Every structure is written in C-alpha cells, then in structure tokens.
Protein backbone atom coordinates (compact mmCIF):
# COMPACT_ATOMS: atom_id res chain seq x y z
CA UNK A 1 -16.28 -11.08 21.49
CA UNK A 2 -17.92 -9.03 22.70
CA UNK A 3 -16.44 -6.81 25.80
CA UNK A 4 -19.62 -6.73 28.23
CA UNK A 5 -19.66 -10.46 28.25
CA UNK A 6 -16.56 -10.14 30.60
CA UNK A 7 -18.03 -8.06 33.67
CA UNK A 8 -21.07 -11.01 33.07
CA UNK A 9 -19.20 -13.74 33.64
CA UNK A 10 -17.33 -12.13 36.55
CA UNK A 11 -20.31 -11.77 38.43
CA UNK A 12 -21.39 -15.39 37.79
CA UNK A 13 -18.39 -17.23 38.94
CA UNK A 14 -18.88 -16.60 42.45
CA UNK A 15 -22.18 -17.42 42.72
CA UNK A 16 -21.79 -20.70 41.48
CA UNK A 17 -19.29 -21.56 43.77
CA UNK A 18 -22.04 -20.52 46.62
CA UNK A 19 -24.53 -22.52 45.11
CA UNK A 20 -21.91 -25.57 44.45
CA UNK A 21 -24.93 -26.82 41.46
CA UNK A 22 -23.85 -24.41 38.46
CA UNK A 23 -24.06 -26.81 35.15
CA UNK A 24 -23.28 -30.05 37.68
CA UNK A 25 -26.58 -31.45 36.97
CA UNK A 26 -27.45 -34.65 34.89
CA UNK A 27 -26.93 -33.81 31.56
CA UNK A 28 -25.32 -30.30 32.49
CA UNK A 29 -27.36 -26.71 31.93
CA UNK A 30 -28.13 -27.45 28.33
CA UNK A 31 -29.98 -30.67 29.08
CA UNK A 32 -32.78 -28.61 30.82
CA UNK A 33 -33.43 -25.74 27.75
CA UNK A 34 -36.71 -27.16 25.51
CA UNK A 35 -36.18 -28.13 22.15
CA UNK A 36 -37.88 -25.41 20.88
CA UNK A 37 -34.90 -23.01 22.34
CA UNK A 38 -32.20 -24.92 20.88
CA UNK A 39 -33.91 -24.79 17.73
CA UNK A 40 -34.50 -20.93 17.93
CA UNK A 41 -30.81 -20.34 19.04
CA UNK A 42 -29.49 -22.70 16.17
CA UNK A 43 -31.27 -20.58 13.74
CA UNK A 44 -29.85 -17.56 15.02
CA UNK A 45 -26.70 -18.79 14.96
CA UNK A 46 -26.76 -19.49 10.94
CA UNK A 47 -28.65 -16.00 10.54
CA UNK A 48 -25.28 -14.35 12.06
CA UNK A 49 -23.15 -16.92 10.09
CA UNK A 50 -24.98 -16.15 6.88
CA UNK A 51 -24.24 -12.14 7.61
CA UNK A 52 -21.04 -12.23 8.22
CA UNK A 53 -20.30 -14.29 5.00
CA UNK A 54 -22.52 -12.11 2.81
CA UNK A 55 -20.22 -9.53 4.84
CA UNK A 56 -17.15 -10.25 4.16
CA UNK A 57 -15.37 -8.65 1.08
CA UNK A 58 -15.06 -10.15 -2.16
CA UNK A 59 -14.25 -7.55 -4.79
CA UNK A 60 -11.04 -5.15 -4.98
CA UNK A 61 -13.67 -2.22 -4.16
CA UNK A 62 -14.72 -4.13 -0.58
CA UNK A 63 -11.24 -4.54 0.27
CA UNK A 64 -10.02 -1.09 -0.54
CA UNK A 65 -13.23 0.35 1.45
CA UNK A 66 -12.11 -2.10 4.58
CA UNK A 67 -8.46 -0.83 4.05
CA UNK A 68 -9.84 2.26 4.36
CA UNK A 69 -11.65 2.45 7.27
CA UNK A 70 -8.46 0.30 9.05
CA UNK A 71 -5.88 2.93 8.28
CA UNK A 72 -7.87 5.75 9.38
CA UNK A 73 -8.37 3.71 12.96
CA UNK A 74 -4.66 4.53 13.73
CA UNK A 75 -3.15 8.12 13.94
CA UNK A 76 -0.76 7.63 11.48
CA UNK A 77 1.35 4.98 10.07
CA UNK A 78 5.21 3.74 9.61
CA UNK A 79 6.74 1.85 6.15
CA UNK A 80 9.94 0.80 5.39
CA UNK A 81 10.85 1.39 1.60
CA UNK A 82 13.34 0.27 -0.31
CA UNK A 83 13.75 0.34 -3.99
CA UNK A 84 16.17 -0.13 -6.86
CA UNK A 85 16.33 1.60 -10.00
CA UNK A 86 18.67 0.99 -12.93
CA UNK A 87 19.39 2.16 -16.69
CA UNK A 88 21.43 -0.69 -18.60
CA UNK A 89 22.95 -0.59 -22.81
CA UNK A 90 24.43 -3.89 -23.83
CA UNK A 91 26.58 -4.53 -21.24
CA UNK A 92 26.54 -0.90 -19.01
CA UNK A 93 24.22 -0.34 -16.16
CA UNK A 94 24.01 2.55 -13.97
CA UNK A 95 21.33 3.15 -11.39
CA UNK A 96 20.78 3.51 -7.40
CA UNK A 97 19.53 2.28 -4.69
CA UNK A 98 17.40 3.49 -1.69
CA UNK A 99 16.12 2.97 1.78
CA UNK A 100 13.89 4.91 3.99
CA UNK A 101 11.51 5.15 6.83
CA UNK A 102 8.23 6.99 6.36
CA UNK A 103 5.78 8.24 8.91
CA UNK A 104 2.41 9.43 7.86
CA UNK A 105 -0.64 10.77 9.90
CA UNK A 106 -4.05 11.28 8.80
CA UNK A 107 -5.51 14.03 10.18
CA UNK A 108 -3.79 16.45 9.54
CA UNK A 109 -2.42 14.67 6.74
CA UNK A 110 1.45 14.85 6.89
CA UNK A 111 4.43 12.77 5.63
CA UNK A 112 7.81 12.31 6.36
CA UNK A 113 10.57 10.23 4.89
CA UNK A 114 14.32 10.07 6.06
CA UNK A 115 16.91 7.64 3.91
CA UNK A 116 19.69 7.08 1.86
CA UNK A 117 20.65 6.58 -2.02
CA UNK A 118 23.40 5.11 -2.94
CA UNK A 119 24.59 4.57 -6.62
CA UNK A 120 25.87 1.83 -8.11
CA UNK A 121 29.15 2.96 -7.44
CA UNK A 122 28.67 2.76 -3.46
CA UNK A 123 28.38 6.36 -3.50
CA UNK A 124 25.65 7.72 -0.96
CA UNK A 125 23.49 10.47 -0.48
CA UNK A 126 21.10 10.39 2.59
CA UNK A 127 17.99 12.53 1.43
CA UNK A 128 14.74 13.95 3.46
CA UNK A 129 11.36 14.68 2.35
CA UNK A 130 8.16 16.46 4.09
CA UNK A 131 5.04 16.60 2.42
CA UNK A 132 3.07 19.38 4.68
CA UNK A 133 0.40 20.82 3.45
CA UNK A 134 0.35 19.97 0.46
CA UNK A 135 3.43 21.39 -0.91
CA UNK A 136 6.42 18.40 -0.36
CA UNK A 137 9.79 19.47 0.56
CA UNK A 138 13.05 17.81 -0.84
CA UNK A 139 16.87 17.71 0.50
CA UNK A 140 19.40 15.45 -0.88
CA UNK A 141 22.84 15.72 0.73
CA UNK A 142 23.66 18.91 1.50
CA UNK A 143 21.93 20.88 -0.94
CA UNK A 144 19.67 23.23 -0.04
CA UNK A 145 15.86 22.52 0.31
CA UNK A 146 13.80 22.57 -3.09
CA UNK A 147 9.66 22.78 -2.47
CA UNK A 148 6.71 22.73 -4.97
CA UNK A 149 3.06 21.44 -5.25
CA UNK A 150 2.38 18.10 -3.99
CA UNK A 151 0.83 17.40 -7.52
CA UNK A 152 4.45 18.82 -9.37
CA UNK A 153 5.66 14.94 -10.96
CA UNK A 154 9.06 15.77 -9.84
CA UNK A 155 7.39 15.95 -6.33
CA UNK A 156 5.01 13.06 -6.39
CA UNK A 157 8.28 10.64 -7.62
CA UNK A 158 10.12 11.76 -3.87
CA UNK A 159 6.66 10.72 -2.54
CA UNK A 160 6.10 7.28 -1.26
CA UNK A 161 3.19 6.90 0.36
CA UNK A 162 1.21 3.44 0.87
CA UNK A 163 -2.23 4.78 1.92
CA UNK A 164 -2.52 6.98 -1.03
CA UNK A 165 -2.37 3.81 -2.71
CA UNK A 166 -5.94 2.79 -1.97
CA UNK A 167 -7.24 6.32 -3.29
CA UNK A 168 -4.66 5.04 -6.67
CA UNK A 169 -7.12 1.77 -6.78
CA UNK A 170 -10.17 3.42 -6.50
CA UNK A 171 -8.84 5.27 -9.55
CA UNK A 172 -8.11 2.38 -11.29
CA UNK A 173 -11.68 0.93 -10.87
CA UNK A 174 -13.26 4.55 -11.59
CA UNK A 175 -11.63 4.40 -14.75
CA UNK A 176 -13.18 1.23 -16.03
CA UNK A 177 -9.91 -0.81 -15.93
CA UNK A 178 -10.79 -4.61 -15.86
CA UNK A 179 -7.04 -5.45 -14.67
CA UNK A 180 -7.29 -4.91 -11.18
CA UNK A 181 -7.60 -8.45 -9.48
CA UNK A 182 -7.79 -10.31 -6.16
CA UNK A 183 -6.03 -12.62 -4.93
CA UNK A 184 -6.36 -14.30 -0.98
CA UNK A 185 -3.40 -16.56 -0.23
CA UNK A 186 -4.06 -17.70 3.64
CA UNK A 187 -4.88 -14.52 6.36
CA UNK A 188 -3.72 -11.84 3.19
CA UNK A 189 -5.95 -10.43 0.25
CA UNK A 190 -3.43 -9.44 -2.81
CA UNK A 191 -4.69 -6.35 -5.09
CA UNK A 192 -2.99 -6.87 -8.29
CA UNK A 193 -2.00 -5.27 -11.79
CA UNK A 194 -0.35 -7.32 -14.36
CA UNK A 195 0.12 -5.86 -17.87
CA UNK A 196 1.58 -8.00 -20.32
CA UNK A 197 4.45 -6.87 -22.15
CA UNK A 198 3.19 -4.10 -24.89
CA UNK A 199 3.50 -1.02 -26.57
CA UNK A 200 3.51 2.14 -24.78
CA UNK A 201 1.16 4.48 -26.80
CA UNK A 202 -1.57 1.65 -26.55
CA UNK A 203 -1.40 1.14 -22.73
CA UNK A 204 -0.14 5.15 -21.93
CA UNK A 205 -3.63 6.61 -21.30
CA UNK A 206 -4.58 3.37 -18.02
CA UNK A 207 -4.80 5.00 -14.74
CA UNK A 208 -2.48 2.25 -13.71
CA UNK A 209 0.57 3.07 -16.19
CA UNK A 210 0.69 6.12 -15.59
CA UNK A 211 2.92 6.23 -12.31
CA UNK A 212 5.42 4.70 -14.61
CA UNK A 213 5.01 7.58 -16.76
CA UNK A 214 5.89 9.94 -14.35
CA UNK A 215 9.11 8.08 -13.64
CA UNK A 216 10.08 7.28 -17.39
CA UNK A 217 9.91 11.07 -18.13
CA UNK A 218 12.85 12.52 -16.22
CA UNK A 219 14.94 9.80 -17.94
CA UNK A 220 14.02 10.71 -21.61
CA UNK A 221 15.08 13.82 -20.61
CA UNK A 222 18.25 12.53 -19.75
CA UNK A 223 18.78 11.06 -22.58
CA UNK A 224 17.63 13.21 -24.84
CA UNK A 225 20.48 15.24 -22.91
CA UNK A 226 22.96 13.09 -24.33
CA UNK A 227 21.93 13.05 -27.39
CA UNK A 228 20.16 9.88 -27.73
CA UNK A 229 16.43 10.93 -28.56
CA UNK A 230 13.28 8.47 -28.83
CA UNK A 231 9.69 9.19 -29.40
CA UNK A 232 7.16 7.63 -26.87
CA UNK A 233 5.14 5.81 -29.49
CA UNK A 234 8.41 3.58 -30.05
CA UNK A 235 8.97 2.10 -26.70
CA UNK A 236 8.07 -0.82 -24.71
CA UNK A 237 6.76 -1.51 -21.70
CA UNK A 238 7.86 -4.34 -21.18
CA UNK A 239 6.31 -5.38 -17.43
CA UNK A 240 4.52 -3.83 -14.92
CA UNK A 241 3.44 -5.38 -11.55
CA UNK A 242 1.44 -3.52 -8.44
CA UNK A 243 0.94 -5.34 -5.72
CA UNK A 244 -1.39 -3.48 -2.35
CA UNK A 245 -1.34 -6.51 0.38
CA UNK A 246 -4.10 -6.33 2.86
CA UNK A 247 -5.12 -8.55 5.64
CA UNK A 248 -7.79 -10.11 4.23
CA UNK A 249 -9.32 -9.63 7.90
CA UNK A 250 -8.81 -6.04 9.42
CA UNK A 251 -8.15 -4.50 5.54
CA UNK A 252 -4.79 -2.95 7.28
CA UNK A 253 -2.39 -2.64 4.52
CA UNK A 254 0.76 -5.27 5.21
CA UNK A 255 2.64 -4.02 2.06
CA UNK A 256 3.24 -2.10 -1.36
CA UNK A 257 4.90 -3.01 -4.14
CA UNK A 258 4.89 -1.58 -8.32
CA UNK A 259 7.84 -2.58 -10.57
CA UNK A 260 8.39 -2.21 -13.94
CA UNK A 261 10.46 -1.96 -17.08
CA UNK A 262 10.44 0.22 -20.21
CA UNK A 263 12.47 -0.75 -23.23
CA UNK A 264 13.58 2.55 -25.16
CA UNK A 265 15.14 1.70 -28.90
CA UNK A 266 18.73 2.75 -29.27
CA UNK A 267 20.71 1.79 -32.94
CA UNK A 268 19.54 -1.85 -33.08
CA UNK A 269 18.82 -2.62 -29.67
CA UNK A 270 17.08 -1.28 -26.24
CA UNK A 271 17.91 1.11 -23.09
CA UNK A 272 16.14 -0.77 -20.64
CA UNK A 273 15.19 1.22 -17.78
CA UNK A 274 13.71 -0.81 -14.28
CA UNK A 275 12.56 -0.02 -11.61
CA UNK A 276 11.27 -1.81 -8.34
CA UNK A 277 9.75 -0.43 -5.22
CA UNK A 278 8.59 -1.91 -2.00
CA UNK A 279 6.86 -0.71 1.26
CA UNK A 280 6.23 -2.07 4.48
CA UNK A 281 3.83 -1.47 7.04
CA UNK A 282 5.88 -1.22 10.34
CA UNK A 283 3.35 -0.28 12.86
CA UNK A 284 1.21 2.25 14.05
CA UNK A 285 3.04 5.98 14.09
CA UNK A 286 1.52 8.07 17.23
CA UNK A 287 3.88 11.18 16.61
CA UNK A 288 3.40 14.53 14.81
CA UNK A 289 4.91 15.56 11.59
CA UNK A 290 6.40 19.09 11.17
CA UNK A 291 8.64 21.09 9.11
CA UNK A 292 12.22 21.13 10.47
CA UNK A 293 13.36 24.26 12.11
CA UNK A 294 14.30 27.10 8.94
CA UNK A 295 12.56 25.38 6.59
CA UNK A 296 9.31 27.42 4.88
C-alpha cells in the first residue's frame, strides 16, 4: 500500500461522520459509478497485475539482482556461522567444528568474525577475523595476529561472507556454467549448484568448484608433510552442494550453505576429506567495524 493513501483516508473519515451518508446509499457508492468507468478500472488492475507478474524474478540472474538491491538497502548484516570438517582414513578420523558470529558492512566494506574452533578431541581455540581495506587479519587463540591480502587463498579460507555469495554466483553464470538452478519453496527461492560424483581433473576449472579446491590445497600440503603424496588428477570430487536461499519476495539472503567431499587415493583405498558450512542471516547490523587497538 502506498503511504500517501493513509493521510487521504484520515481526512475522509470525519467527513463521512458529518454527512452521515458516505457509502449508505442503495447499492453503496460503487453502484453510482458508470459501467464504462468500472470496466476501465478493471483493465487498469489487470494491467498492473500483468506488469507485476512480468517483472517477478524467474532466472538465477533475476534473483541475484533482487538480492543485491535488498542487501545493499541496509548498512550491514550479521550472520550465524556453523561449520565442520573431517579427514578420515579407514576408521581413524580427525576434524574440527566452528561457530562464529559474523558482522559485515557495505559502505565501507568491512567484516568482523568472532568464533570458536573445537577440535574432535574437545580442545577449543578462539578465532577472530577482520577484513578491512582489502586486508584480512586473523588471530587464533593466543597466537599473534597474522595479516595478508584478502585475495590470498589462505586468508580467503578464513572469511565467511554470505553477501559475497551474490558476486560468486554471478561468476558462476558468467563462466557459462549451466548447473545453477532456481527452486521455489513457498516464500523462499533457492539458487542451487549440485555436482554429481566427478573426477576432479574434469571439473576443477569450473567456477563453483574453485572454492572447494582452495580448501583442499592445504590438506594436500599437510598430507604431503606426513609422507602421503597424491596428484589432483587422481582425486574424486564425491559431492558438491551449494545453496543460496533468498526471500523470494524481497530478495534478502536467508542463508548460504556449502558442502563437499573429496576422495584422495591412498594405498588400496581413499582418504575422505569433507567440509560443510552454514551461514544464516541474523538480521540488520547498524554498527561500524574497525581493527582492535594495536593491530595494523
């Protein structure tokens, strides 16, 4: 409803009381309107409905445009992040889980994450992440702050930014990948990427696989340090699912989820490496983000 009609209705109400006749005639006020006028009104209403239907988002690109506007309409957002990863060989498994609250602003662009990493043995370590001015700063436990360019793969792996998923999905579409689909579920729209089991060498250059490969690289380095060397040409990507969930009407991001599993050949079997991350919108953030005192 347009806001100016509220003032109009407020002004008309007292007048109806004074005249004691508004809408009280036979058939109501609509009965006195010419048939031609009614038909004209009906055509206008049909036209408005048709235009609204025509402008409703249908394609992944349409929904990304809607999401971009919705997320830019507020100064910032908060997200609740949960994730876990595990490396499993036969019956032996090691891993960690992660929980954090992420705050993000748009102008200027900045991000702050405060969370806790919990190992599979129950050992906890605090983690703080800042992304300010194109530089990412990370502090784990009592260790000193580390910093690097936001484009450094090691730093990219530390940042969970749901709003950035909009540009990531645009990159998927621009790359010509046809695996992005839109699934409407009630009042939500899910932009999905699902990849069936594939040899990594066949899909590693696809835009939506690159994040998973970036997360895999340090694992391969660790395995190599333990005397387990393997070639990416031998690795299988057993699953990859990414979903950007939007409010279908407003375009606001509701959640972003990414999960994948790699099978790394070893002896006569595989080392299983998996990761799952969920980011859920916690609402508007109206604060500011700056580096802690002493960090530069």
